[in-house]
Amino acid sequence: VVEERGDLLRRPPGQLARDVAAHYRDRLGKVVGRRRDESYRLIRSDPAPGLCREAARGYDLLVVGTRGRGRGAEFLLGSTVQEVIHSSPIPVVVVPAGRVS
């Protein structure tokens, strides 16, 4: 999603959020494929609390990824992932960066 300077002021309210959601929905669909029973949600929140609140809405599993900062750092989890692991009301799976097939 590319925004030129001043575009935020000229666009209808909520358009940027819709564009960002569409961008990531399309990007995710290219990586993992799409099914009709899937939905995508743009959450405006701090990452870990927002994910945990959303997880509490009735999901079975939360899957989060690492950033993949290279060798050595691959064993360290970021603060967001750590907070999600400790605060999530449902099981969490952590997927290392670059492991999507």
C-alpha atoms as a PDB file:
ATOM      1  CA  VAL A   1       0.000   0.000   0.000  1.00  0.00           C
ATOM      2  CA  VAL A   2       1.569   3.237  -1.110  1.00  0.00           C
ATOM      3  CA  GLU A   3       0.409   6.576   0.209  1.00  0.00           C
ATOM      4  CA  GLU A   4       1.608   9.817  -1.301  1.00  0.00           C
ATOM      5  CA  ARG A   5       2.087  12.841   0.945  1.00  0.00           C
ATOM      6  CA  GLY A   6      -1.313  14.343   1.700  1.00  0.00           C
ATOM      7  CA  ASP A   7      -3.319  11.356   0.446  1.00  0.00           C
ATOM      8  CA  LEU A   8      -4.587  10.643   3.941  1.00  0.00           C
ATOM      9  CA  LEU A   9      -6.316  14.018   4.010  1.00  0.00           C
ATOM     10  CA  ARG A  10      -7.989  13.597   0.610  1.00  0.00           C
ATOM     11  CA  ARG A  11      -9.309  10.062   1.021  1.00  0.00           C
ATOM     12  CA  PRO A  12     -12.682   9.062   2.418  1.00  0.00           C
ATOM     13  CA  PRO A  13     -12.669   8.075   6.103  1.00  0.00           C
ATOM     14  CA  GLY A  14     -11.628   4.460   6.586  1.00  0.00           C
ATOM     15  CA  GLN A  15     -10.229   4.029   3.071  1.00  0.00           C
ATOM     16  CA  LEU A  16      -6.628   3.533   4.220  1.00  0.00           C
ATOM     17  CA  ALA A  17      -7.724   0.805   6.657  1.00  0.00           C
ATOM     18  CA  ARG A  18      -9.681  -0.939   3.884  1.00  0.00           C
ATOM     19  CA  ASP A  19      -6.687  -0.698   1.531  1.00  0.00           C
ATOM     20  CA  VAL A  20      -4.300  -2.102   4.143  1.00  0.00           C
ATOM     21  CA  ALA A  21      -6.689  -4.967   4.939  1.00  0.00           C
ATOM     22  CA  ALA A  22      -7.082  -5.785   1.219  1.00  0.00           C
ATOM     23  CA  HIS A  23      -3.306  -5.670   0.696  1.00  0.00           C
ATOM     24  CA  TYR A  24      -2.598  -8.170   3.464  1.00  0.00           C
ATOM     25  CA  ARG A  25      -5.578 -10.368   2.564  1.00  0.00           C
ATOM     26  CA  ASP A  26      -4.213 -10.654  -0.989  1.00  0.00           C
ATOM     27  CA  ARG A  27      -0.646 -11.152   0.204  1.00  0.00           C
ATOM     28  CA  LEU A  28      -1.641 -13.873   2.661  1.00  0.00           C
ATOM     29  CA  GLY A  29      -3.812 -15.534   0.020  1.00  0.00           C
ATOM     30  CA  LYS A  30      -0.805 -15.825  -2.307  1.00  0.00           C
ATOM     31  CA  VAL A  31       1.304 -17.454   0.396  1.00  0.00           C
ATOM     32  CA  VAL A  32      -1.090 -19.957   1.940  1.00  0.00           C
ATOM     33  CA  GLY A  33      -3.970 -20.157  -0.500  1.00  0.00           C
ATOM     34  CA  ARG A  34      -7.546 -19.191   0.176  1.00  0.00           C
ATOM     35  CA  ARG A  35     -10.618 -21.013   1.357  1.00  0.00           C
ATOM     36  CA  ARG A  36     -14.169 -19.752   1.435  1.00  0.00           C
ATOM     37  CA  ASP A  37     -14.535 -20.375   5.168  1.00  0.00           C
ATOM     38  CA  GLU A  38     -11.589 -18.101   6.029  1.00  0.00           C
ATOM     39  CA  SER A  39     -11.856 -14.479   7.026  1.00  0.00           C
ATOM     40  CA  TYR A  40      -9.346 -11.710   7.528  1.00  0.00           C
ATOM     41  CA  ARG A  41      -9.469  -9.008  10.147  1.00  0.00           C
ATOM     42  CA  LEU A  42      -7.492  -5.770  10.512  1.00  0.00           C
ATOM     43  CA  ILE A  43      -6.990  -5.086  14.211  1.00  0.00           C
ATOM     44  CA  ARG A  44      -6.065  -1.612  15.428  1.00  0.00           C
ATOM     45  CA  SER A  45      -4.285  -2.223  18.694  1.00  0.00           C
ATOM     46  CA  ASP A  46      -0.955  -2.922  20.277  1.00  0.00           C
ATOM     47  CA  PRO A  47      -0.014  -6.273  18.705  1.00  0.00           C
ATOM     48  CA  ALA A  48       0.061  -8.714  21.636  1.00  0.00           C
ATOM     49  CA  PRO A  49      -3.002  -7.460  23.554  1.00  0.00           C
ATOM     50  CA  GLY A  50      -4.952  -7.142  20.306  1.00  0.00           C
ATOM     51  CA  LEU A  51      -4.121 -10.680  19.210  1.00  0.00           C
ATOM     52  CA  CYS A  52      -5.011 -12.090  22.632  1.00  0.00           C
ATOM     53  CA  ARG A  53      -8.342 -10.216  22.726  1.00  0.00           C
ATOM     54  CA  GLU A  54      -9.163 -11.482  19.242  1.00  0.00           C
ATOM     55  CA  ALA A  55      -8.121 -15.026  20.216  1.00  0.00           C
ATOM     56  CA  ALA A  56     -10.592 -14.930  23.109  1.00  0.00           C
ATOM     57  CA  ARG A  57     -13.475 -14.483  20.631  1.00  0.00           C
ATOM     58  CA  GLY A  58     -13.687 -18.234  20.018  1.00  0.00           C
ATOM     59  CA  TYR A  59     -10.757 -19.369  17.910  1.00  0.00           C
ATOM     60  CA  ASP A  60      -9.080 -22.758  18.397  1.00  0.00           C
ATOM     61  CA  LEU A  61      -5.469 -21.835  17.643  1.00  0.00           C
ATOM     62  CA  LEU A  62      -3.331 -18.721  17.218  1.00  0.00           C
ATOM     63  CA  VAL A  63      -0.425 -18.882  14.770  1.00  0.00           C
ATOM     64  CA  VAL A  64       2.234 -16.166  14.915  1.00  0.00           C
ATOM     65  CA  GLY A  65       5.495 -15.783  13.047  1.00  0.00           C
ATOM     66  CA  THR A  66       8.961 -14.660  13.992  1.00  0.00           C
ATOM     67  CA  ARG A  67      10.843 -11.976  12.093  1.00  0.00           C
ATOM     68  CA  GLY A  68      13.820 -14.091  11.082  1.00  0.00           C
ATOM     69  CA  ARG A  69      16.656 -11.848  12.152  1.00  0.00           C
ATOM     70  CA  GLY A  70      19.320 -14.298  11.100  1.00  0.00           C
ATOM     71  CA  ARG A  71      21.571 -16.901  12.642  1.00  0.00           C
ATOM     72  CA  GLY A  72      21.944 -16.792  16.391  1.00  0.00           C
ATOM     73  CA  ALA A  73      18.844 -14.661  16.852  1.00  0.00           C
ATOM     74  CA  GLU A  74      16.649 -17.477  15.549  1.00  0.00           C
ATOM     75  CA  PHE A  75      16.400 -18.921  19.058  1.00  0.00           C
ATOM     76  CA  LEU A  76      15.256 -15.641  20.569  1.00  0.00           C
ATOM     77  CA  LEU A  77      11.611 -14.676  20.322  1.00  0.00           C
ATOM     78  CA  GLY A  78      10.524 -11.068  20.031  1.00  0.00           C
ATOM     79  CA  SER A  79       8.675  -9.347  22.841  1.00  0.00           C
ATOM     80  CA  THR A  80       5.343  -9.502  20.992  1.00  0.00           C
ATOM     81  CA  VAL A  81       5.574 -13.266  20.481  1.00  0.00           C
ATOM     82  CA  GLN A  82       6.646 -13.772  24.094  1.00  0.00           C
ATOM     83  CA  GLU A  83       3.721 -11.721  25.382  1.00  0.00           C
ATOM     84  CA  VAL A  84       1.270 -13.593  23.138  1.00  0.00           C
ATOM     85  CA  ILE A  85       2.601 -16.965  24.330  1.00  0.00           C
ATOM     86  CA  HIS A  86       2.188 -15.964  27.971  1.00  0.00           C
ATOM     87  CA  SER A  87      -1.146 -14.132  27.654  1.00  0.00           C
ATOM     88  CA  SER A  88      -3.114 -16.010  25.008  1.00  0.00           C
ATOM     89  CA  PRO A  89      -6.264 -17.780  26.192  1.00  0.00           C
ATOM     90  CA  ILE A  90      -5.778 -20.424  23.453  1.00  0.00           C
ATOM     91  CA  PRO A  91      -2.822 -22.514  22.238  1.00  0.00           C
ATOM     92  CA  VAL A  92      -0.152 -20.627  20.254  1.00  0.00           C
ATOM     93  CA  VAL A  93       2.045 -21.980  17.464  1.00  0.00           C
ATOM     94  CA  VAL A  94       5.169 -19.975  16.575  1.00  0.00           C
ATOM     95  CA  VAL A  95       6.328 -20.350  12.967  1.00  0.00           C
ATOM     96  CA  PRO A  96       9.934 -19.389  12.191  1.00  0.00           C
ATOM     97  CA  ALA A  97      10.395 -16.847   9.409  1.00  0.00           C
ATOM     98  CA  GLY A  98      10.963 -18.331   5.979  1.00  0.00           C
ATOM     99  CA  ARG A  99       9.359 -21.677   6.830  1.00  0.00           C
ATOM    100  CA  VAL A 100       6.223 -21.249   4.712  1.00  0.00           C
ATOM    101  CA  SER A 101       5.968 -23.906   2.033  1.00  0.00           C
END
